[in-house]
Protein backbone atom coordinates (compact mmCIF):
# COMPACT_ATOMS: atom_id res chain seq x y z
CA MET A 1 0.06 0.00 0.13
CA GLU A 2 1.27 3.45 -1.00
CA TYR A 3 0.25 5.13 2.22
CA ILE A 4 2.25 2.58 4.33
CA LYS A 5 5.43 3.33 2.41
CA HIS A 6 4.97 7.16 2.92
CA LEU A 7 4.11 6.78 6.74
CA GLN A 8 7.09 4.42 7.33
CA LYS A 9 9.52 7.35 6.45
CA ASP A 10 8.69 8.43 10.19
CA LYS A 11 10.75 5.83 11.88
CA LYS A 12 8.85 6.26 15.18
CA LEU A 13 5.36 5.90 13.53
CA ALA A 14 6.71 2.90 11.45
CA LYS A 15 7.12 0.92 14.71
CA ALA A 16 3.33 1.41 15.41
CA ILE A 17 2.12 0.48 11.97
CA GLY A 18 1.96 -3.22 12.33
CA GLU A 19 0.70 -5.68 9.86
CA GLU A 20 -2.81 -4.39 9.30
CA VAL A 21 -3.62 -2.48 6.18
CA HIS A 22 -6.56 -0.08 6.62
CA GLU A 23 -9.16 0.91 3.94
CA LEU A 24 -11.28 3.95 3.95
CA LYS A 25 -14.98 3.67 2.65
CA LEU A 26 -17.34 6.27 1.49
CA HIS A 27 -20.83 5.76 3.12
CA LYS A 28 -24.15 7.28 1.86
CA ASN A 29 -26.54 9.44 3.61
CA ILE A 30 -24.02 11.73 5.39
CA PRO A 31 -26.56 13.69 7.32
CA LEU A 32 -27.86 10.56 9.04
CA ARG A 33 -24.25 9.49 9.76
CA LEU A 34 -23.67 12.85 11.63
CA MET A 35 -26.81 12.19 13.65
CA ALA A 36 -25.59 8.79 14.52
CA SER A 37 -22.25 10.08 15.67
CA ILE A 38 -24.05 12.50 17.94
CA MET A 39 -26.05 9.60 19.39
CA SER A 40 -22.93 7.54 20.03
CA GLN A 41 -20.97 10.28 21.83
CA GLN A 42 -19.58 9.20 25.30
CA LEU A 43 -21.01 5.66 24.78
CA SER A 44 -19.23 2.49 24.22
CA THR A 45 -19.60 1.03 20.65
CA LYS A 46 -21.81 -1.74 21.95
CA VAL A 47 -24.35 0.66 23.67
CA ALA A 48 -24.09 3.00 20.68
CA ARG A 49 -25.01 0.11 18.30
CA VAL A 50 -28.10 -0.69 20.33
CA ILE A 51 -29.31 2.76 20.37
CA TYR A 52 -28.75 3.24 16.69
CA HIS A 53 -30.74 0.13 16.02
CA ARG A 54 -33.71 1.28 18.08
CA PHE A 55 -33.53 4.63 16.35
CA LEU A 56 -33.85 2.89 12.92
CA GLU A 57 -36.82 0.83 14.19
CA LEU A 58 -38.61 4.01 14.74
CA TYR A 59 -38.62 4.26 10.93
CA ASN A 60 -39.51 0.59 10.24
CA GLY A 61 -35.69 -0.19 9.99
CA LYS A 62 -35.15 2.17 7.14
CA GLU A 63 -32.80 5.08 7.13
CA PRO A 64 -34.86 8.25 7.78
CA ASN A 65 -34.27 11.49 6.06
CA PRO A 66 -33.84 14.77 7.94
CA GLN A 67 -37.45 15.78 7.66
CA GLN A 68 -38.56 12.44 9.13
CA VAL A 69 -36.27 12.94 12.11
CA LEU A 70 -37.46 16.44 12.68
CA ASP A 71 -41.15 15.23 12.56
CA THR A 72 -40.47 12.62 15.27
CA PRO A 73 -41.62 13.72 18.68
CA PRO A 74 -38.84 14.36 21.12
CA GLU A 75 -40.20 11.93 23.73
CA LYS A 76 -40.04 9.17 21.07
CA LEU A 77 -36.39 9.84 20.69
CA ARG A 78 -35.77 10.00 24.43
CA ALA A 79 -37.57 6.60 24.77
CA ILE A 80 -34.66 4.80 22.69
CA GLY A 81 -32.31 6.00 25.34
CA LEU A 82 -31.04 9.47 24.15
CA SER A 83 -30.54 12.21 26.74
CA ASN A 84 -32.44 15.47 26.42
CA ALA A 85 -29.32 17.27 25.13
CA LYS A 86 -28.79 14.51 22.35
CA VAL A 87 -32.33 14.74 21.25
CA SER A 88 -32.02 18.45 20.66
CA TYR A 89 -28.62 18.00 18.92
CA VAL A 90 -29.96 15.36 16.64
CA GLN A 91 -32.89 17.60 15.77
CA ASN A 92 -30.57 20.56 15.29
CA VAL A 93 -28.65 18.45 12.73
CA ALA A 94 -31.88 17.56 10.97
CA ARG A 95 -33.00 21.18 11.02
CA PHE A 96 -29.73 22.42 9.68
CA CYS A 97 -29.61 19.83 6.87
CA ILE A 98 -32.94 20.97 5.67
CA ASP A 99 -32.36 24.59 5.94
CA HIS A 100 -28.97 24.41 4.25
CA GLN A 101 -30.12 21.76 1.76
CA ILE A 102 -27.23 19.45 2.95
CA THR A 103 -26.88 16.56 0.53
CA ASP A 104 -24.17 13.92 0.04
CA LYS A 105 -23.43 15.44 -3.34
CA LYS A 106 -23.02 18.87 -1.75
CA LEU A 107 -20.58 17.70 0.93
CA LEU A 108 -18.57 15.56 -1.42
CA ALA A 109 -17.89 18.67 -3.45
CA MET A 110 -16.49 20.44 -0.55
CA ASN A 111 -12.99 20.22 0.96
CA ASN A 112 -12.26 19.09 4.63
CA GLU A 113 -11.93 22.73 6.01
CA GLU A 114 -15.22 23.80 4.34
CA ILE A 115 -16.98 20.80 5.77
CA ILE A 116 -15.68 21.49 9.25
CA GLU A 117 -16.51 25.16 9.08
CA LEU A 118 -20.12 24.34 7.79
CA LEU A 119 -21.00 21.64 10.21
CA THR A 120 -19.59 22.95 13.39
CA ALA A 121 -22.01 25.84 13.05
CA ILE A 122 -24.64 23.29 14.31
CA LYS A 123 -25.12 23.43 18.03
CA GLY A 124 -23.87 20.13 19.42
CA VAL A 125 -21.47 19.37 16.68
CA GLY A 126 -17.84 19.95 17.50
CA LYS A 127 -14.75 19.78 15.38
CA TRP A 128 -13.90 16.18 16.57
CA THR A 129 -17.37 14.96 15.40
CA VAL A 130 -16.88 16.33 11.93
CA GLU A 131 -13.34 15.03 11.84
CA MET A 132 -14.62 11.44 12.53
CA LEU A 133 -17.34 11.97 9.92
CA LEU A 134 -14.68 13.08 7.34
CA MET A 135 -12.68 9.94 8.11
CA PHE A 136 -15.27 7.18 8.53
CA THR A 137 -18.12 8.48 6.39
CA LEU A 138 -16.52 10.59 3.56
CA GLY A 139 -13.41 8.37 3.54
CA ARG A 140 -11.13 11.43 3.34
CA GLU A 141 -7.46 10.38 3.57
CA ASP A 142 -5.82 13.39 5.08
CA VAL A 143 -7.60 14.18 8.39
CA PHE A 144 -5.69 14.63 11.67
CA ALA A 145 -7.75 14.53 14.90
CA VAL A 146 -5.39 16.35 17.16
CA ASP A 147 -8.07 16.58 19.94
CA ASP A 148 -8.76 12.84 20.01
CA LEU A 149 -7.73 11.45 23.45
CA GLY A 150 -6.50 8.00 21.91
CA ILE A 151 -4.35 9.87 19.31
CA GLN A 152 -2.91 12.07 22.08
CA GLN A 153 -2.04 9.09 24.32
CA ALA A 154 -0.55 7.10 21.50
CA MET A 155 1.60 10.03 20.31
CA THR A 156 2.65 11.07 23.77
CA HIS A 157 3.90 7.52 24.28
CA ILE A 158 5.51 7.06 20.86
CA TYR A 159 7.17 10.49 20.60
CA LYS A 160 7.78 11.04 24.35
CA LEU A 161 5.72 14.21 24.36
CA ASP A 162 5.06 16.22 27.52
CA ALA A 163 1.35 16.08 28.23
CA THR A 164 1.28 18.58 31.07
CA ASP A 165 1.09 21.66 28.70
CA LYS A 166 -1.82 20.60 26.38
CA LYS A 167 -1.43 23.57 24.02
CA ALA A 168 2.32 22.86 23.42
CA MET A 169 1.60 19.15 23.09
CA LYS A 170 -1.00 19.76 20.30
CA GLU A 171 1.34 22.03 18.57
CA LYS A 172 4.04 19.43 18.56
CA MET A 173 1.50 16.75 17.34
CA LEU A 174 0.46 18.99 14.43
CA ARG A 175 4.07 19.48 13.48
CA LEU A 176 4.82 15.72 13.63
CA SER A 177 1.66 14.92 11.64
CA SER A 178 2.44 17.37 8.88
CA LYS A 179 5.01 14.75 7.58
CA TRP A 180 2.26 12.30 7.20
CA THR A 181 0.26 14.26 4.61
CA PRO A 182 -1.57 13.40 2.44
CA TYR A 183 -2.22 10.28 4.58
CA ARG A 184 -3.00 11.57 7.99
CA THR A 185 -6.27 9.59 8.47
CA TYR A 186 -4.31 6.31 7.95
CA ALA A 187 -1.67 7.46 10.50
CA CYS A 188 -4.60 8.03 12.93
CA LEU A 189 -6.15 4.59 12.31
CA HIS A 190 -2.71 2.92 13.01
CA LEU A 191 -2.17 4.97 16.12
CA TRP A 192 -5.56 3.77 17.43
CA ALA A 193 -4.94 0.34 16.66
CA TRP A 194 -1.69 0.58 18.32
CA LYS A 195 -3.13 1.97 21.55
CA ASP A 196 -5.86 -0.68 21.70
CA ALA A 197 -3.31 -3.33 21.23
């Protein structure tokens, strides 16, 4: 894989790469994926999956469009296990996608920075959430999640960074990651896998 050759130029990162080759996929219905990522915040993967399954059951197992989500009474969304805050954030996303005519086609035509700027305007959607969307839904190869705790822990360990000063640590992380362009997403995937192992 071309990306592995490129990332292995960083000798310290090379040690963390391991055997696994990662592939990125593009998923349809990006507005729904954004809602799903809000639902899964601060939950284990397992619990998040259960809640998302219940969410789809509200629409007979089919993927709803933003209007259908907006038309769903908040108490119905609370009943599947969402907090009040998450219910309002999910509906914020639905409303925003309708108001701004957000479609897969529109988002796919935009670059990463434009997408981050657009979607972080939604209350309840932070930069990290959009970065995860860029990586795992839009399959963008060059995203670096500097605010991700797992990435921070892995890099602090591999590069012996001082984590006491968060701002200085993040600046160092960004400097180190600039060498990984245009494959920073893959670097993140390998750092996560290394940390989990």
